[in-house]
Amino acid sequence: MLHRTRRFPRGYSTVGGHVSLWVRGFSAYVSRIVESDTGRAVRSLTRWPKGKFAFTVVDDTDNSTVHNVKPVYDLLRECGLRTTKTVWVYPPRDNFSGQCLQDGDYREFIYELREDGFEIALHNVGSGAFTRDEILRGVEEFRELMGFYPTMQINHASNPDNLYWGVERFTGLVSSLMKLMFGDRRVYQGNNPESEYFWGDVAKKHVKFIRNHTFNGINTLRYDPRMPYRVRHKDKYSNYWFSSSDGHTIEEFNALTDPKNVLKLEEQGGLCIVYTHFASGFVKDSGKVDPIFERNIRFLASRDGWFAPAGEILDYLLSREVVEFASRSYLARLDAVWLLQRLVKKLRYGR
């Protein structure tokens, strides 16, 4: 019997390299399945309200201060981009840092963004453990300060008041895997009426959109063509769910929004909702924005796109089709792509 010897490219590791290629290949395979098996045609939106494609950013407020994010928003404003900024109502009470609506200079900065057309969303009322009474007061204080209730919620890290997070974030095998890995170490109670951290009834009443999956490619809609969608077993304390593209730090953001990727997004007539942390290296110690980031944003702004806040874009998607509950098979496939792409990211960026 002849045995073929497998040949690998020069410099290729048969251990780490083999795993890396397997993960990348299987991730791409699952991605194709999700994109093709939607139960209806993948949205090929040839007509956005403006331009050939849509692009926005959801900025996670972790560690944000006026000093380390304002230059980013000055650039976005100058280039005509309007995006979504999340905020905390109260200061962090754990190992995270950053300003909140209690800080006068930061509050004035948020007011300016609101007046200029940026969307202001909630990233829980604060970082750490907040009881139901504190959360409800925080939501009301958000309304008093902003003039409206928060319509978008982004679950924060390990906050116990997160909604449908941890094991409940996923379905089937991925949910079981998370339970096996973390057990009771990551328990989230925002949707548990018996918990002191429960606020799901308030979220159901006021919060329209909650983010779930994050993917590595620029065209978010190709990964999740049904968004925003409803989830039957989460519908008691949530409304619509959406996905995003991973621009976690300056490194990931710059790679994602490279001009070649933007041209691909434009060609596909797609939608990119980048999830990022503008406080993570976008502004240098000199107070100037990262030069590659600036180059990418200026190139993006030069293209024929629709640059609106995430909530506005999601509302537009809702207006075009009747939204049904996502099937468990659809959610399971989103989970599978998410998991495989997390492994790819870990191999590429080490985080």
Foldseek 3Di string as FASTA:
>chain_A
DDDDDDDDDPPADVPLNVVLVVLVVVLVVLLVVLLPPQVDHQDQPCDDVWFLAEEEEEADQWAEDCLQFVQVVVLCLVLVFAAEYEFAQDAAPDPTGGDGCVDPVVLVVVVVSVVSAHHYAYAQNYHEEDFPVRRVVSQVVCCVSNVAGHQEYEHDDQYQLDALDQLSLADDPLSVVSCVVQPPVRHHPCCPPVDRSHDLVVCLVRHAEYEHFEFAAFFQSSSPSQPQAAAVVRNVRYHTYGYAYEPAAVVSVLVRLPVVRLVVSSVSSGYHYYYYHSSHQQADPVSHGDPSVSVSSNSNSVHTYHRHYPVVVRVVVCVPDPHYHRDNVSRNSSSVSRVSRVVSCCSVPVD
